């Protein structure tokens, strides 16, 4: 009768599986929130830098030269970000494959 009141998930492999699944879901949520925060930070940096570089006298509207400058600045910023990101990802992948292929002594 005492077995009836025990939590069937607490000592079973099913409980461990459930805990692992919850941990994985939480980690995925944190990764997603970090990615969103990083994207927001990128946008803020991009807007701030390009605005400072291109808008000399803020007003009700942008001049055509300011619009052109902003377009070029934002394009250049994104190109640079993409190059840096690809290089970083390639480096991480290379380091990971090197560490996996290096025997531990």
C-alpha atoms as a PDB file:
ATOM      1  CA  UNK A   1       0.000   0.000   0.000  1.00  0.00           C
ATOM      2  CA  UNK A   2       2.886   2.394   0.617  1.00  0.00           C
ATOM      3  CA  UNK A   3       3.933   1.952  -3.043  1.00  0.00           C
ATOM      4  CA  UNK A   4       0.598   3.413  -4.095  1.00  0.00           C
ATOM      5  CA  UNK A   5       1.498   6.861  -2.718  1.00  0.00           C
ATOM      6  CA  UNK A   6       4.966   7.061  -4.253  1.00  0.00           C
ATOM      7  CA  UNK A   7       5.492   9.257  -7.261  1.00  0.00           C
ATOM      8  CA  UNK A   8       5.934   6.792 -10.134  1.00  0.00           C
ATOM      9  CA  UNK A   9       8.161   9.260 -12.015  1.00  0.00           C
ATOM     10  CA  UNK A  10      10.579   9.998  -9.184  1.00  0.00           C
ATOM     11  CA  UNK A  11      12.564   6.766  -9.290  1.00  0.00           C
ATOM     12  CA  UNK A  12      11.865   5.546 -12.789  1.00  0.00           C
ATOM     13  CA  UNK A  13      13.763   6.142 -15.978  1.00  0.00           C
ATOM     14  CA  UNK A  14      10.633   7.871 -17.198  1.00  0.00           C
ATOM     15  CA  UNK A  15      11.140  10.554 -14.553  1.00  0.00           C
ATOM     16  CA  UNK A  16      14.750  11.025 -15.592  1.00  0.00           C
ATOM     17  CA  UNK A  17      13.685  11.292 -19.218  1.00  0.00           C
ATOM     18  CA  UNK A  18      11.067  13.898 -18.289  1.00  0.00           C
ATOM     19  CA  UNK A  19      13.648  15.923 -16.327  1.00  0.00           C
ATOM     20  CA  UNK A  20      16.102  15.758 -19.224  1.00  0.00           C
ATOM     21  CA  UNK A  21      13.403  16.871 -21.667  1.00  0.00           C
ATOM     22  CA  UNK A  22      12.482  19.810 -19.423  1.00  0.00           C
ATOM     23  CA  UNK A  23      16.136  20.768 -19.093  1.00  0.00           C
ATOM     24  CA  UNK A  24      16.570  20.624 -22.871  1.00  0.00           C
ATOM     25  CA  UNK A  25      13.441  22.742 -23.438  1.00  0.00           C
ATOM     26  CA  UNK A  26      14.653  25.327 -20.926  1.00  0.00           C
ATOM     27  CA  UNK A  27      18.084  25.463 -22.543  1.00  0.00           C
ATOM     28  CA  UNK A  28      16.473  25.936 -25.956  1.00  0.00           C
ATOM     29  CA  UNK A  29      14.329  28.769 -24.599  1.00  0.00           C
ATOM     30  CA  UNK A  30      17.400  30.491 -23.127  1.00  0.00           C
ATOM     31  CA  UNK A  31      19.253  30.108 -26.450  1.00  0.00           C
ATOM     32  CA  UNK A  32      16.310  31.641 -28.276  1.00  0.00           C
ATOM     33  CA  UNK A  33      16.116  34.573 -25.873  1.00  0.00           C
ATOM     34  CA  UNK A  34      19.872  35.154 -26.165  1.00  0.00           C
ATOM     35  CA  UNK A  35      19.638  35.129 -29.955  1.00  0.00           C
ATOM     36  CA  UNK A  36      16.813  37.643 -29.807  1.00  0.00           C
ATOM     37  CA  UNK A  37      18.771  39.886 -27.420  1.00  0.00           C
ATOM     38  CA  UNK A  38      21.838  39.681 -29.680  1.00  0.00           C
ATOM     39  CA  UNK A  39      19.778  40.614 -32.732  1.00  0.00           C
ATOM     40  CA  UNK A  40      18.276  43.559 -30.859  1.00  0.00           C
ATOM     41  CA  UNK A  41      21.744  44.707 -29.784  1.00  0.00           C
ATOM     42  CA  UNK A  42      22.985  44.430 -33.381  1.00  0.00           C
ATOM     43  CA  UNK A  43      20.096  46.571 -34.599  1.00  0.00           C
ATOM     44  CA  UNK A  44      20.676  49.169 -31.890  1.00  0.00           C
ATOM     45  CA  UNK A  45      24.414  49.402 -32.648  1.00  0.00           C
ATOM     46  CA  UNK A  46      23.781  49.591 -36.371  1.00  0.00           C
ATOM     47  CA  UNK A  47      21.157  52.332 -36.029  1.00  0.00           C
ATOM     48  CA  UNK A  48      23.240  54.368 -33.605  1.00  0.00           C
ATOM     49  CA  UNK A  49      26.442  54.231 -35.658  1.00  0.00           C
ATOM     50  CA  UNK A  50      24.784  54.930 -38.991  1.00  0.00           C
ATOM     51  CA  UNK A  51      22.630  57.718 -37.582  1.00  0.00           C
ATOM     52  CA  UNK A  52      25.709  59.432 -36.110  1.00  0.00           C
ATOM     53  CA  UNK A  53      27.605  59.033 -39.373  1.00  0.00           C
ATOM     54  CA  UNK A  54      24.845  60.078 -41.769  1.00  0.00           C
ATOM     55  CA  UNK A  55      22.394  62.450 -40.110  1.00  0.00           C
ATOM     56  CA  UNK A  56      24.213  65.716 -39.529  1.00  0.00           C
ATOM     57  CA  UNK A  57      21.207  67.929 -38.798  1.00  0.00           C
ATOM     58  CA  UNK A  58      18.177  65.993 -37.525  1.00  0.00           C
ATOM     59  CA  UNK A  59      14.867  67.360 -38.733  1.00  0.00           C
ATOM     60  CA  UNK A  60      11.404  66.320 -39.817  1.00  0.00           C
ATOM     61  CA  UNK A  61      12.703  64.317 -42.767  1.00  0.00           C
ATOM     62  CA  UNK A  62      15.892  62.923 -44.242  1.00  0.00           C
ATOM     63  CA  UNK A  63      17.566  64.515 -47.216  1.00  0.00           C
ATOM     64  CA  UNK A  64      18.310  62.332 -50.215  1.00  0.00           C
ATOM     65  CA  UNK A  65      22.026  62.304 -49.339  1.00  0.00           C
ATOM     66  CA  UNK A  66      21.214  61.210 -45.784  1.00  0.00           C
ATOM     67  CA  UNK A  67      18.967  58.449 -47.102  1.00  0.00           C
ATOM     68  CA  UNK A  68      21.711  57.260 -49.460  1.00  0.00           C
ATOM     69  CA  UNK A  69      24.295  57.399 -46.678  1.00  0.00           C
ATOM     70  CA  UNK A  70      22.045  55.425 -44.314  1.00  0.00           C
ATOM     71  CA  UNK A  71      21.338  52.786 -46.954  1.00  0.00           C
ATOM     72  CA  UNK A  72      25.024  52.315 -47.698  1.00  0.00           C
ATOM     73  CA  UNK A  73      25.993  52.356 -44.033  1.00  0.00           C
ATOM     74  CA  UNK A  74      23.382  49.763 -43.078  1.00  0.00           C
ATOM     75  CA  UNK A  75      24.346  47.555 -46.028  1.00  0.00           C
ATOM     76  CA  UNK A  76      28.034  47.780 -45.135  1.00  0.00           C
ATOM     77  CA  UNK A  77      27.294  47.062 -41.471  1.00  0.00           C
ATOM     78  CA  UNK A  78      25.296  43.934 -42.356  1.00  0.00           C
ATOM     79  CA  UNK A  79      27.932  42.729 -44.848  1.00  0.00           C
ATOM     80  CA  UNK A  80      30.613  43.115 -42.190  1.00  0.00           C
ATOM     81  CA  UNK A  81      28.483  41.352 -39.595  1.00  0.00           C
ATOM     82  CA  UNK A  82      27.850  38.451 -41.991  1.00  0.00           C
ATOM     83  CA  UNK A  83      31.543  38.083 -42.811  1.00  0.00           C
ATOM     84  CA  UNK A  84      32.517  38.122 -39.144  1.00  0.00           C
ATOM     85  CA  UNK A  85      29.736  35.659 -38.257  1.00  0.00           C
ATOM     86  CA  UNK A  86      30.694  33.199 -41.003  1.00  0.00           C
ATOM     87  CA  UNK A  87      34.356  33.400 -40.036  1.00  0.00           C
ATOM     88  CA  UNK A  88      33.525  32.848 -36.366  1.00  0.00           C
ATOM     89  CA  UNK A  89      31.267  29.864 -37.083  1.00  0.00           C
ATOM     90  CA  UNK A  90      33.921  28.329 -39.350  1.00  0.00           C
ATOM     91  CA  UNK A  91      36.557  28.802 -36.652  1.00  0.00           C
ATOM     92  CA  UNK A  92      34.392  27.196 -33.973  1.00  0.00           C
ATOM     93  CA  UNK A  93      33.624  24.258 -36.277  1.00  0.00           C
ATOM     94  CA  UNK A  94      37.326  23.846 -37.122  1.00  0.00           C
ATOM     95  CA  UNK A  95      38.338  23.972 -33.444  1.00  0.00           C
ATOM     96  CA  UNK A  96      35.604  21.509 -32.515  1.00  0.00           C
ATOM     97  CA  UNK A  97      36.657  19.034 -35.215  1.00  0.00           C
ATOM     98  CA  UNK A  98      40.314  19.400 -34.205  1.00  0.00           C
ATOM     99  CA  UNK A  99      39.522  18.752 -30.551  1.00  0.00           C
ATOM    100  CA  UNK A 100      37.417  15.704 -31.451  1.00  0.00           C
ATOM    101  CA  UNK A 101      40.156  14.254 -33.663  1.00  0.00           C
ATOM    102  CA  UNK A 102      42.961  14.867 -31.162  1.00  0.00           C
ATOM    103  CA  UNK A 103      43.474  11.808 -28.954  1.00  0.00           C
ATOM    104  CA  UNK A 104      43.417  12.408 -25.231  1.00  0.00           C
ATOM    105  CA  UNK A 105      46.622  11.172 -23.597  1.00  0.00           C
END
